Amino acid sequence: MNQYFTTGEFAKLWGVKKQTLFHYDEIGIFKPALTDHRTGYRYYKADQLYILDAISLCIELGIPLKSMVSYCDVHGKPHLQRLLGDGKSLAESKIKAM
């Protein structure tokens, strides 16, 4: 699928505000697929939705969003196995502490 979505359209697909996507871009954990350098408009592809799912997982596991960068490769794609492994360890630690 080569269709690009505007920030507003993409935010609607995922059920968040546009500002959330702007924030994720600003802190470096989720970059648009394309940015028009003349207008500054950001465009996303449907195949990027799984990255937002990984960000949601970080939030659910209590992993700080800023540390999400350490789970991504140079292209911004998350290493899901490492993320899940660390999330599992964090959950186990929380359970033990309780």
N, C-alpha and C. Protein backbone atom coordinates (compact mmCIF):
# COMPACT_ATOMS: atom_id res chain seq x y z
N MET A 1 0.85 -1.19 0.00
CA MET A 1 0.00 0.00 0.00
C MET A 1 0.89 1.24 0.00
N ASN A 2 0.78 2.06 -1.03
CA ASN A 2 1.62 3.24 -1.15
C ASN A 2 0.90 4.52 -0.79
N GLN A 3 -0.28 4.42 -0.25
CA GLN A 3 -1.06 5.59 0.09
C GLN A 3 -0.49 6.28 1.32
N TYR A 4 -0.38 7.58 1.24
CA TYR A 4 0.06 8.38 2.38
C TYR A 4 -1.15 9.00 3.06
N PHE A 5 -1.05 9.12 4.38
CA PHE A 5 -2.11 9.74 5.17
C PHE A 5 -1.56 11.02 5.80
N THR A 6 -2.39 12.03 5.87
CA THR A 6 -1.99 13.24 6.58
C THR A 6 -1.92 12.92 8.08
N THR A 7 -1.36 13.83 8.83
CA THR A 7 -1.29 13.62 10.27
C THR A 7 -2.68 13.44 10.87
N GLY A 8 -3.62 14.25 10.44
CA GLY A 8 -4.99 14.15 10.95
C GLY A 8 -5.64 12.82 10.61
N GLU A 9 -5.47 12.39 9.37
CA GLU A 9 -6.04 11.10 8.94
C GLU A 9 -5.41 9.94 9.73
N PHE A 10 -4.09 10.00 9.89
CA PHE A 10 -3.39 8.92 10.57
C PHE A 10 -3.76 8.88 12.05
N ALA A 11 -3.88 10.05 12.65
CA ALA A 11 -4.28 10.13 14.06
C ALA A 11 -5.67 9.51 14.24
N LYS A 12 -6.55 9.79 13.30
CA LYS A 12 -7.90 9.24 13.36
C LYS A 12 -7.89 7.72 13.24
N LEU A 13 -7.02 7.18 12.36
CA LEU A 13 -6.90 5.73 12.21
C LEU A 13 -6.52 5.06 13.53
N TRP A 14 -5.63 5.72 14.27
CA TRP A 14 -5.12 5.13 15.51
C TRP A 14 -5.94 5.57 16.73
N GLY A 15 -6.77 6.60 16.56
CA GLY A 15 -7.62 7.07 17.65
C GLY A 15 -6.92 7.97 18.65
N VAL A 16 -6.01 8.82 18.15
CA VAL A 16 -5.31 9.77 19.02
C VAL A 16 -5.42 11.17 18.42
N LYS A 17 -4.96 12.14 19.17
CA LYS A 17 -4.92 13.51 18.66
C LYS A 17 -3.67 13.71 17.79
N LYS A 18 -3.77 14.65 16.86
CA LYS A 18 -2.61 14.96 16.01
C LYS A 18 -1.41 15.36 16.85
N GLN A 19 -1.66 16.07 17.96
CA GLN A 19 -0.58 16.53 18.82
C GLN A 19 0.24 15.36 19.37
N THR A 20 -0.41 14.22 19.56
CA THR A 20 0.30 13.03 20.04
C THR A 20 1.35 12.62 19.03
N LEU A 21 0.98 12.60 17.75
CA LEU A 21 1.94 12.24 16.70
C LEU A 21 3.05 13.28 16.60
N PHE A 22 2.70 14.56 16.74
CA PHE A 22 3.72 15.61 16.73
C PHE A 22 4.71 15.39 17.88
N HIS A 23 4.17 15.07 19.06
CA HIS A 23 5.01 14.84 20.24
C HIS A 23 5.95 13.65 20.02
N TYR A 24 5.42 12.55 19.50
CA TYR A 24 6.24 11.37 19.24
C TYR A 24 7.37 11.69 18.26
N ASP A 25 7.07 12.51 17.27
CA ASP A 25 8.09 12.93 16.30
C ASP A 25 9.15 13.79 17.01
N GLU A 26 8.70 14.72 17.83
CA GLU A 26 9.62 15.63 18.53
C GLU A 26 10.59 14.89 19.44
N ILE A 27 10.10 13.84 20.12
CA ILE A 27 11.00 13.12 21.04
C ILE A 27 11.74 11.99 20.33
N GLY A 28 11.49 11.83 19.03
CA GLY A 28 12.27 10.91 18.22
C GLY A 28 11.86 9.45 18.24
N ILE A 29 10.64 9.16 18.68
CA ILE A 29 10.24 7.75 18.73
C ILE A 29 9.33 7.33 17.59
N PHE A 30 8.81 8.28 16.83
CA PHE A 30 7.95 7.94 15.70
C PHE A 30 8.01 9.05 14.66
N LYS A 31 8.68 8.75 13.58
CA LYS A 31 8.86 9.72 12.50
C LYS A 31 7.88 9.44 11.38
N PRO A 32 7.42 10.50 10.70
CA PRO A 32 6.54 10.28 9.55
C PRO A 32 7.31 9.61 8.42
N ALA A 33 6.59 8.95 7.52
CA ALA A 33 7.21 8.31 6.37
C ALA A 33 7.76 9.35 5.40
N LEU A 34 7.12 10.51 5.38
CA LEU A 34 7.50 11.57 4.45
C LEU A 34 7.18 12.92 5.08
N THR A 35 8.06 13.87 4.91
CA THR A 35 7.81 15.24 5.34
C THR A 35 8.03 16.16 4.16
N ASP A 36 7.05 16.99 3.88
CA ASP A 36 7.18 17.99 2.81
C ASP A 36 7.99 19.14 3.40
N HIS A 37 9.22 19.30 2.94
CA HIS A 37 10.11 20.30 3.53
C HIS A 37 9.70 21.74 3.20
N ARG A 38 8.87 21.91 2.18
CA ARG A 38 8.37 23.25 1.88
C ARG A 38 7.29 23.68 2.88
N THR A 39 6.37 22.75 3.17
CA THR A 39 5.22 23.09 4.01
C THR A 39 5.36 22.61 5.45
N GLY A 40 6.24 21.61 5.67
CA GLY A 40 6.37 21.02 7.00
C GLY A 40 5.32 19.95 7.28
N TYR A 41 4.43 19.69 6.32
CA TYR A 41 3.40 18.67 6.52
C TYR A 41 4.04 17.30 6.63
N ARG A 42 3.49 16.50 7.52
CA ARG A 42 3.97 15.14 7.73
C ARG A 42 2.97 14.16 7.12
N TYR A 43 3.51 13.09 6.56
CA TYR A 43 2.67 12.06 5.95
C TYR A 43 3.10 10.69 6.45
N TYR A 44 2.13 9.82 6.65
CA TYR A 44 2.37 8.49 7.23
C TYR A 44 1.80 7.42 6.30
N LYS A 45 2.31 6.20 6.48
CA LYS A 45 1.81 5.04 5.73
C LYS A 45 1.14 4.08 6.70
N ALA A 46 0.19 3.31 6.18
CA ALA A 46 -0.55 2.37 7.01
C ALA A 46 0.38 1.35 7.67
N ASP A 47 1.46 0.99 7.00
CA ASP A 47 2.36 -0.02 7.58
C ASP A 47 3.16 0.50 8.77
N GLN A 48 2.96 1.77 9.14
CA GLN A 48 3.59 2.32 10.33
C GLN A 48 2.73 2.13 11.58
N LEU A 49 1.51 1.66 11.43
CA LEU A 49 0.62 1.51 12.58
C LEU A 49 1.19 0.57 13.64
N TYR A 50 1.95 -0.45 13.23
CA TYR A 50 2.49 -1.38 14.22
C TYR A 50 3.49 -0.68 15.16
N ILE A 51 4.13 0.38 14.68
CA ILE A 51 5.05 1.12 15.55
C ILE A 51 4.25 1.81 16.66
N LEU A 52 3.10 2.34 16.30
CA LEU A 52 2.24 2.95 17.33
C LEU A 52 1.75 1.91 18.31
N ASP A 53 1.52 0.69 17.83
CA ASP A 53 1.15 -0.40 18.74
C ASP A 53 2.28 -0.68 19.72
N ALA A 54 3.52 -0.64 19.24
CA ALA A 54 4.68 -0.86 20.12
C ALA A 54 4.79 0.26 21.14
N ILE A 55 4.50 1.49 20.74
CA ILE A 55 4.52 2.61 21.67
C ILE A 55 3.44 2.41 22.73
N SER A 56 2.26 1.97 22.33
CA SER A 56 1.18 1.68 23.29
C SER A 56 1.61 0.61 24.28
N LEU A 57 2.31 -0.39 23.77
CA LEU A 57 2.80 -1.46 24.62
C LEU A 57 3.77 -0.91 25.66
N CYS A 58 4.65 -0.03 25.25
CA CYS A 58 5.58 0.61 26.20
C CYS A 58 4.81 1.32 27.31
N ILE A 59 3.79 2.04 26.92
CA ILE A 59 2.99 2.77 27.90
C ILE A 59 2.34 1.79 28.87
N GLU A 60 1.76 0.72 28.34
CA GLU A 60 1.11 -0.28 29.19
C GLU A 60 2.08 -0.98 30.12
N LEU A 61 3.31 -1.21 29.65
CA LEU A 61 4.31 -1.90 30.46
C LEU A 61 5.04 -0.97 31.43
N GLY A 62 4.78 0.32 31.31
CA GLY A 62 5.44 1.27 32.19
C GLY A 62 6.84 1.64 31.74
N ILE A 63 7.16 1.37 30.48
CA ILE A 63 8.46 1.75 29.93
C ILE A 63 8.35 3.21 29.48
N PRO A 64 9.22 4.07 29.97
CA PRO A 64 9.15 5.49 29.58
C PRO A 64 9.29 5.66 28.07
N LEU A 65 8.48 6.54 27.51
CA LEU A 65 8.50 6.75 26.06
C LEU A 65 9.88 7.16 25.56
N LYS A 66 10.59 7.98 26.33
CA LYS A 66 11.90 8.43 25.88
C LYS A 66 12.88 7.28 25.73
N SER A 67 12.66 6.19 26.47
CA SER A 67 13.55 5.05 26.33
C SER A 67 13.17 4.18 25.12
N MET A 68 12.04 4.48 24.50
CA MET A 68 11.62 3.75 23.31
C MET A 68 12.67 3.85 22.21
N VAL A 69 13.38 4.97 22.15
CA VAL A 69 14.41 5.17 21.14
C VAL A 69 15.45 4.06 21.21
N SER A 70 15.75 3.60 22.41
CA SER A 70 16.76 2.55 22.56
C SER A 70 16.29 1.20 22.04
N TYR A 71 15.01 1.06 21.76
CA TYR A 71 14.46 -0.19 21.23
C TYR A 71 14.29 -0.14 19.71
N CYS A 72 14.70 0.96 19.10
CA CYS A 72 14.51 1.13 17.66
C CYS A 72 15.83 1.05 16.91
N ASP A 73 15.74 0.57 15.66
CA ASP A 73 16.93 0.55 14.82
C ASP A 73 17.12 1.95 14.21
N VAL A 74 18.11 2.09 13.35
CA VAL A 74 18.43 3.40 12.78
C VAL A 74 17.31 3.96 11.91
N HIS A 75 16.37 3.10 11.49
CA HIS A 75 15.25 3.55 10.67
C HIS A 75 14.00 3.81 11.52
N GLY A 76 14.12 3.67 12.84
CA GLY A 76 13.00 3.93 13.72
C GLY A 76 12.07 2.75 13.92
N LYS A 77 12.45 1.58 13.43
CA LYS A 77 11.60 0.40 13.58
C LYS A 77 11.94 -0.30 14.90
N PRO A 78 10.94 -0.59 15.71
CA PRO A 78 11.21 -1.18 17.02
C PRO A 78 11.62 -2.65 16.95
N HIS A 79 12.51 -3.03 17.86
CA HIS A 79 12.89 -4.43 18.04
C HIS A 79 11.89 -5.01 19.05
N LEU A 80 10.83 -5.60 18.54
CA LEU A 80 9.72 -6.02 19.38
C LEU A 80 10.09 -7.12 20.36
N GLN A 81 10.93 -8.06 19.98
CA GLN A 81 11.31 -9.14 20.90
C GLN A 81 12.04 -8.58 22.11
N ARG A 82 12.96 -7.66 21.89
CA ARG A 82 13.68 -7.05 23.01
C ARG A 82 12.73 -6.24 23.89
N LEU A 83 11.84 -5.52 23.25
CA LEU A 83 10.86 -4.72 23.98
C LEU A 83 9.98 -5.61 24.85
N LEU A 84 9.50 -6.70 24.29
CA LEU A 84 8.65 -7.61 25.05
C LEU A 84 9.43 -8.29 26.18
N GLY A 85 10.66 -8.66 25.91
CA GLY A 85 11.50 -9.28 26.94
C GLY A 85 11.74 -8.36 28.11
N ASP A 86 12.08 -7.11 27.81
CA ASP A 86 12.29 -6.14 28.88
C ASP A 86 10.99 -5.82 29.61
N GLY A 87 9.89 -5.76 28.86
CA GLY A 87 8.59 -5.51 29.47
C GLY A 87 8.20 -6.64 30.41
N LYS A 88 8.49 -7.87 30.01
CA LYS A 88 8.21 -9.02 30.86
C LYS A 88 9.03 -8.95 32.15
N SER A 89 10.30 -8.62 32.01
CA SER A 89 11.17 -8.49 33.19
C SER A 89 10.67 -7.39 34.12
N LEU A 90 10.27 -6.28 33.54
CA LEU A 90 9.74 -5.17 34.34
C LEU A 90 8.47 -5.58 35.07
N ALA A 91 7.58 -6.28 34.38
CA ALA A 91 6.33 -6.75 35.00
C ALA A 91 6.62 -7.73 36.14
N GLU A 92 7.57 -8.63 35.92
CA GLU A 92 7.93 -9.59 36.96
C GLU A 92 8.52 -8.88 38.19
N SER A 93 9.31 -7.86 37.96
CA SER A 93 9.88 -7.09 39.07
C SER A 93 8.79 -6.38 39.86
N LYS A 94 7.81 -5.84 39.14
CA LYS A 94 6.70 -5.15 39.81
C LYS A 94 5.88 -6.12 40.64
N ILE A 95 5.67 -7.33 40.11
CA ILE A 95 4.92 -8.35 40.83
C ILE A 95 5.66 -8.74 42.11
N LYS A 96 6.96 -8.95 42.00
CA LYS A 96 7.76 -9.30 43.18
C LYS A 96 7.72 -8.21 44.23
N ALA A 97 7.76 -6.96 43.78
CA ALA A 97 7.75 -5.83 44.71
C ALA A 97 6.41 -5.72 45.45
N MET A 98 5.36 -6.18 44.82
CA MET A 98 4.04 -6.12 45.45
C MET A 98 3.95 -7.18 46.50
